[in-house]
């Protein structure tokens, strides 16, 4: 498994980690002054939460959890986690 198959560098989900579906749905969770400020990202097929967007950025915690829990090979998770930590303010 390569985490980049599931998440963009920004943390935006590409497909579901649980069922591999690319049917991504957003549920608005907060609106400020008429603009969406927070939304939950769900799989449209299995309905699991696979991301969260708020105030212009995706929550990196979902991607970091995926890296920690995924059966990755060749240190892909460690290398990608290091890359994420070296990019200040990307989320």
N, C-alpha and C. Protein backbone atom coordinates (compact mmCIF):
# COMPACT_ATOMS: atom_id res chain seq x y z
N UNK A 1 0.84 -1.18 0.00
CA UNK A 1 0.00 0.00 0.00
C UNK A 1 0.89 1.24 0.00
N UNK A 2 0.55 2.17 -0.85
CA UNK A 2 1.25 3.45 -0.90
C UNK A 2 0.25 4.52 -0.46
N UNK A 3 0.58 5.25 0.58
CA UNK A 3 -0.35 6.24 1.13
C UNK A 3 -0.74 7.29 0.09
N UNK A 4 0.12 7.54 -0.88
CA UNK A 4 -0.19 8.52 -1.92
C UNK A 4 -1.28 8.03 -2.88
N UNK A 5 -1.63 6.74 -2.80
CA UNK A 5 -2.77 6.24 -3.57
C UNK A 5 -4.09 6.65 -2.91
N UNK A 6 -4.02 7.03 -1.64
CA UNK A 6 -5.22 7.33 -0.88
C UNK A 6 -5.36 8.81 -0.51
N UNK A 7 -4.24 9.51 -0.36
CA UNK A 7 -4.26 10.92 0.03
C UNK A 7 -3.30 11.73 -0.83
N UNK A 8 -3.73 12.95 -1.18
CA UNK A 8 -2.82 13.89 -1.84
C UNK A 8 -1.88 14.47 -0.78
N UNK A 9 -0.83 15.14 -1.20
CA UNK A 9 0.11 15.77 -0.26
C UNK A 9 -0.61 16.74 0.68
N UNK A 10 -1.67 17.34 0.21
CA UNK A 10 -2.42 18.31 1.01
C UNK A 10 -3.24 17.64 2.12
N UNK A 11 -3.38 16.32 2.04
CA UNK A 11 -4.22 15.60 3.00
C UNK A 11 -5.60 15.30 2.46
N UNK A 12 -5.90 15.77 1.26
CA UNK A 12 -7.21 15.51 0.64
C UNK A 12 -7.32 14.04 0.27
N UNK A 13 -8.39 13.37 0.72
CA UNK A 13 -8.57 11.95 0.38
C UNK A 13 -8.82 11.77 -1.12
N UNK A 14 -8.21 10.73 -1.68
CA UNK A 14 -8.42 10.37 -3.08
C UNK A 14 -9.39 9.21 -3.17
N UNK A 15 -9.20 8.23 -2.26
CA UNK A 15 -10.10 7.09 -2.18
C UNK A 15 -10.09 6.54 -0.76
N UNK A 16 -11.07 5.71 -0.47
CA UNK A 16 -11.25 5.18 0.87
C UNK A 16 -10.19 4.13 1.22
N UNK A 17 -9.63 4.26 2.41
CA UNK A 17 -8.66 3.28 2.90
C UNK A 17 -9.32 1.96 3.25
N UNK A 18 -10.60 1.99 3.55
CA UNK A 18 -11.30 0.81 4.04
C UNK A 18 -11.85 -0.07 2.93
N UNK A 19 -12.42 0.57 1.89
CA UNK A 19 -13.05 -0.23 0.83
C UNK A 19 -12.53 0.10 -0.57
N UNK A 20 -11.56 1.02 -0.66
CA UNK A 20 -10.93 1.39 -1.93
C UNK A 20 -11.84 2.19 -2.87
N UNK A 21 -13.00 2.59 -2.40
CA UNK A 21 -13.93 3.35 -3.23
C UNK A 21 -13.41 4.77 -3.48
N UNK A 22 -13.67 5.28 -4.67
CA UNK A 22 -13.35 6.66 -5.00
C UNK A 22 -14.58 7.56 -4.89
N UNK A 23 -15.65 7.02 -4.33
CA UNK A 23 -16.90 7.75 -4.13
C UNK A 23 -16.77 8.56 -2.84
N UNK A 24 -16.27 9.78 -2.95
CA UNK A 24 -15.99 10.63 -1.81
C UNK A 24 -17.12 11.65 -1.63
N UNK A 25 -17.61 11.77 -0.40
CA UNK A 25 -18.70 12.71 -0.09
C UNK A 25 -18.24 13.67 1.01
N UNK A 26 -18.71 14.90 0.93
CA UNK A 26 -18.41 15.90 1.96
C UNK A 26 -19.70 16.26 2.69
N UNK A 27 -19.63 16.28 4.02
CA UNK A 27 -20.75 16.71 4.84
C UNK A 27 -20.36 18.02 5.51
N UNK A 28 -21.10 19.06 5.22
CA UNK A 28 -20.83 20.37 5.81
C UNK A 28 -21.09 20.29 7.31
N UNK A 29 -20.11 20.74 8.08
CA UNK A 29 -20.22 20.73 9.55
C UNK A 29 -20.31 22.13 10.14
N UNK A 30 -19.82 23.13 9.40
CA UNK A 30 -19.86 24.49 9.93
C UNK A 30 -19.88 25.49 8.78
N UNK A 31 -20.68 26.54 8.95
CA UNK A 31 -20.77 27.63 7.98
C UNK A 31 -20.57 28.93 8.75
N UNK A 32 -19.65 29.76 8.28
CA UNK A 32 -19.39 31.06 8.90
C UNK A 32 -19.60 32.15 7.87
N UNK A 33 -20.45 33.09 8.18
CA UNK A 33 -20.74 34.23 7.29
C UNK A 33 -21.13 33.78 5.89
N UNK A 34 -21.84 32.67 5.79
CA UNK A 34 -22.30 32.17 4.50
C UNK A 34 -21.30 31.31 3.75
N UNK A 35 -20.13 31.07 4.30
CA UNK A 35 -19.11 30.24 3.65
C UNK A 35 -18.88 28.96 4.45
N UNK A 36 -18.67 27.87 3.74
CA UNK A 36 -18.35 26.60 4.41
C UNK A 36 -16.99 26.75 5.08
N UNK A 37 -16.95 26.51 6.38
CA UNK A 37 -15.68 26.62 7.10
C UNK A 37 -15.14 25.27 7.53
N UNK A 38 -16.01 24.27 7.67
CA UNK A 38 -15.57 22.93 8.05
C UNK A 38 -16.45 21.89 7.38
N UNK A 39 -15.83 20.80 6.90
CA UNK A 39 -16.60 19.70 6.35
C UNK A 39 -15.91 18.38 6.65
N UNK A 40 -16.73 17.38 6.85
CA UNK A 40 -16.27 16.02 7.11
C UNK A 40 -16.22 15.29 5.77
N UNK A 41 -15.16 14.55 5.52
CA UNK A 41 -15.01 13.81 4.27
C UNK A 41 -15.28 12.34 4.55
N UNK A 42 -16.28 11.80 3.86
CA UNK A 42 -16.71 10.42 4.08
C UNK A 42 -16.63 9.62 2.79
N UNK A 43 -16.50 8.31 2.96
CA UNK A 43 -16.62 7.40 1.83
C UNK A 43 -18.11 7.28 1.51
N UNK A 44 -18.45 7.44 0.25
CA UNK A 44 -19.85 7.35 -0.16
C UNK A 44 -20.38 5.94 -0.16
N UNK A 45 -19.50 4.94 -0.10
CA UNK A 45 -19.94 3.55 -0.11
C UNK A 45 -20.00 2.93 1.29
N UNK A 46 -18.91 3.02 2.06
CA UNK A 46 -18.92 2.41 3.40
C UNK A 46 -19.22 3.43 4.50
N UNK A 47 -19.29 4.71 4.16
CA UNK A 47 -19.67 5.81 5.05
C UNK A 47 -18.67 6.07 6.19
N UNK A 48 -17.46 5.57 6.08
CA UNK A 48 -16.45 5.84 7.11
C UNK A 48 -15.87 7.24 6.90
N UNK A 49 -15.50 7.89 8.00
CA UNK A 49 -14.86 9.20 7.92
C UNK A 49 -13.42 8.99 7.49
N UNK A 50 -13.02 9.63 6.39
CA UNK A 50 -11.65 9.45 5.87
C UNK A 50 -10.87 10.76 5.82
N UNK A 51 -11.49 11.84 6.26
CA UNK A 51 -10.80 13.12 6.28
C UNK A 51 -11.66 14.20 6.88
N UNK A 52 -11.04 15.33 7.15
CA UNK A 52 -11.75 16.49 7.68
C UNK A 52 -11.09 17.74 7.13
N UNK A 53 -11.90 18.65 6.61
CA UNK A 53 -11.40 19.90 6.05
C UNK A 53 -11.93 21.05 6.90
N UNK A 54 -11.06 21.97 7.24
CA UNK A 54 -11.50 23.12 8.01
C UNK A 54 -10.65 24.34 7.72
N UNK A 55 -11.31 25.43 7.44
CA UNK A 55 -10.66 26.73 7.25
C UNK A 55 -9.53 26.68 6.22
N UNK A 56 -9.78 25.95 5.13
CA UNK A 56 -8.85 25.95 4.01
C UNK A 56 -7.82 24.84 4.00
N UNK A 57 -7.83 23.98 5.02
CA UNK A 57 -6.81 22.93 5.10
C UNK A 57 -7.43 21.60 5.52
N UNK A 58 -6.82 20.51 5.07
CA UNK A 58 -7.23 19.18 5.50
C UNK A 58 -6.49 18.82 6.78
N UNK A 59 -7.19 18.16 7.68
CA UNK A 59 -6.60 17.72 8.94
C UNK A 59 -5.60 16.59 8.65
N UNK A 60 -4.33 16.80 8.95
CA UNK A 60 -3.32 15.78 8.64
C UNK A 60 -3.42 14.54 9.53
N UNK A 61 -4.18 14.61 10.59
CA UNK A 61 -4.27 13.48 11.52
C UNK A 61 -4.82 12.22 10.83
N UNK A 62 -5.75 12.38 9.90
CA UNK A 62 -6.31 11.23 9.20
C UNK A 62 -5.24 10.53 8.37
N UNK A 63 -4.44 11.31 7.67
CA UNK A 63 -3.38 10.74 6.85
C UNK A 63 -2.28 10.13 7.73
N UNK A 64 -1.96 10.80 8.83
CA UNK A 64 -0.93 10.28 9.73
C UNK A 64 -1.38 8.96 10.35
N UNK A 65 -2.66 8.85 10.73
CA UNK A 65 -3.18 7.59 11.27
C UNK A 65 -3.11 6.49 10.22
N UNK A 66 -3.42 6.84 8.99
CA UNK A 66 -3.36 5.85 7.91
C UNK A 66 -1.93 5.35 7.73
N UNK A 67 -0.97 6.24 7.82
CA UNK A 67 0.44 5.85 7.69
C UNK A 67 0.84 4.92 8.83
N UNK A 68 0.43 5.25 10.03
CA UNK A 68 0.80 4.45 11.21
C UNK A 68 0.15 3.08 11.20
N UNK A 69 -1.07 2.97 10.68
CA UNK A 69 -1.82 1.72 10.73
C UNK A 69 -1.73 0.88 9.46
N UNK A 70 -1.11 1.40 8.43
CA UNK A 70 -1.06 0.69 7.15
C UNK A 70 0.08 -0.32 7.11
N UNK A 71 -0.15 -1.42 6.43
CA UNK A 71 0.93 -2.40 6.24
C UNK A 71 1.85 -1.96 5.10
N UNK A 72 2.67 -0.98 5.34
CA UNK A 72 3.55 -0.44 4.31
C UNK A 72 4.85 -1.24 4.24
N UNK A 73 5.46 -1.22 3.08
CA UNK A 73 6.73 -1.92 2.89
C UNK A 73 7.82 -0.93 2.53
N UNK A 74 9.04 -1.32 2.68
CA UNK A 74 10.20 -0.51 2.30
C UNK A 74 10.22 0.87 2.97
N UNK A 75 9.74 0.94 4.21
CA UNK A 75 9.75 2.17 4.99
C UNK A 75 8.98 3.33 4.34
N UNK A 76 7.99 3.02 3.51
CA UNK A 76 7.22 4.09 2.85
C UNK A 76 6.60 5.02 3.87
N UNK A 77 6.03 4.46 4.93
CA UNK A 77 5.37 5.28 5.94
C UNK A 77 6.35 6.21 6.63
N UNK A 78 7.51 5.69 7.04
CA UNK A 78 8.51 6.51 7.72
C UNK A 78 9.00 7.63 6.82
N UNK A 79 9.29 7.30 5.57
CA UNK A 79 9.79 8.30 4.63
C UNK A 79 8.75 9.38 4.39
N UNK A 80 7.48 8.99 4.21
CA UNK A 80 6.45 9.97 3.94
C UNK A 80 6.17 10.82 5.17
N UNK A 81 6.16 10.20 6.35
CA UNK A 81 5.94 10.96 7.57
C UNK A 81 7.04 11.99 7.77
N UNK A 82 8.28 11.63 7.47
CA UNK A 82 9.38 12.57 7.58
C UNK A 82 9.19 13.73 6.61
N UNK A 83 8.73 13.44 5.39
CA UNK A 83 8.48 14.48 4.41
C UNK A 83 7.42 15.45 4.90
N UNK A 84 6.36 14.90 5.50
CA UNK A 84 5.28 15.74 6.00
C UNK A 84 5.77 16.66 7.11
N UNK A 85 6.60 16.12 8.00
CA UNK A 85 7.07 16.91 9.12
C UNK A 85 8.04 18.01 8.68
N UNK A 86 8.66 17.84 7.53
CA UNK A 86 9.61 18.84 7.04
C UNK A 86 8.93 19.98 6.30
N UNK A 87 7.63 19.82 5.98
CA UNK A 87 6.89 20.86 5.26
C UNK A 87 6.10 21.69 6.27
N UNK A 88 6.59 22.83 6.66
CA UNK A 88 5.84 23.64 7.64
C UNK A 88 4.60 24.28 7.01
N UNK A 89 3.54 24.30 7.76
CA UNK A 89 2.31 24.99 7.40
C UNK A 89 1.71 24.55 6.06
N UNK A 90 1.79 23.25 5.74
CA UNK A 90 1.17 22.79 4.49
C UNK A 90 -0.25 22.32 4.72
N UNK A 91 -0.68 22.21 5.97
CA UNK A 91 -2.04 21.75 6.25
C UNK A 91 -2.81 22.83 6.94
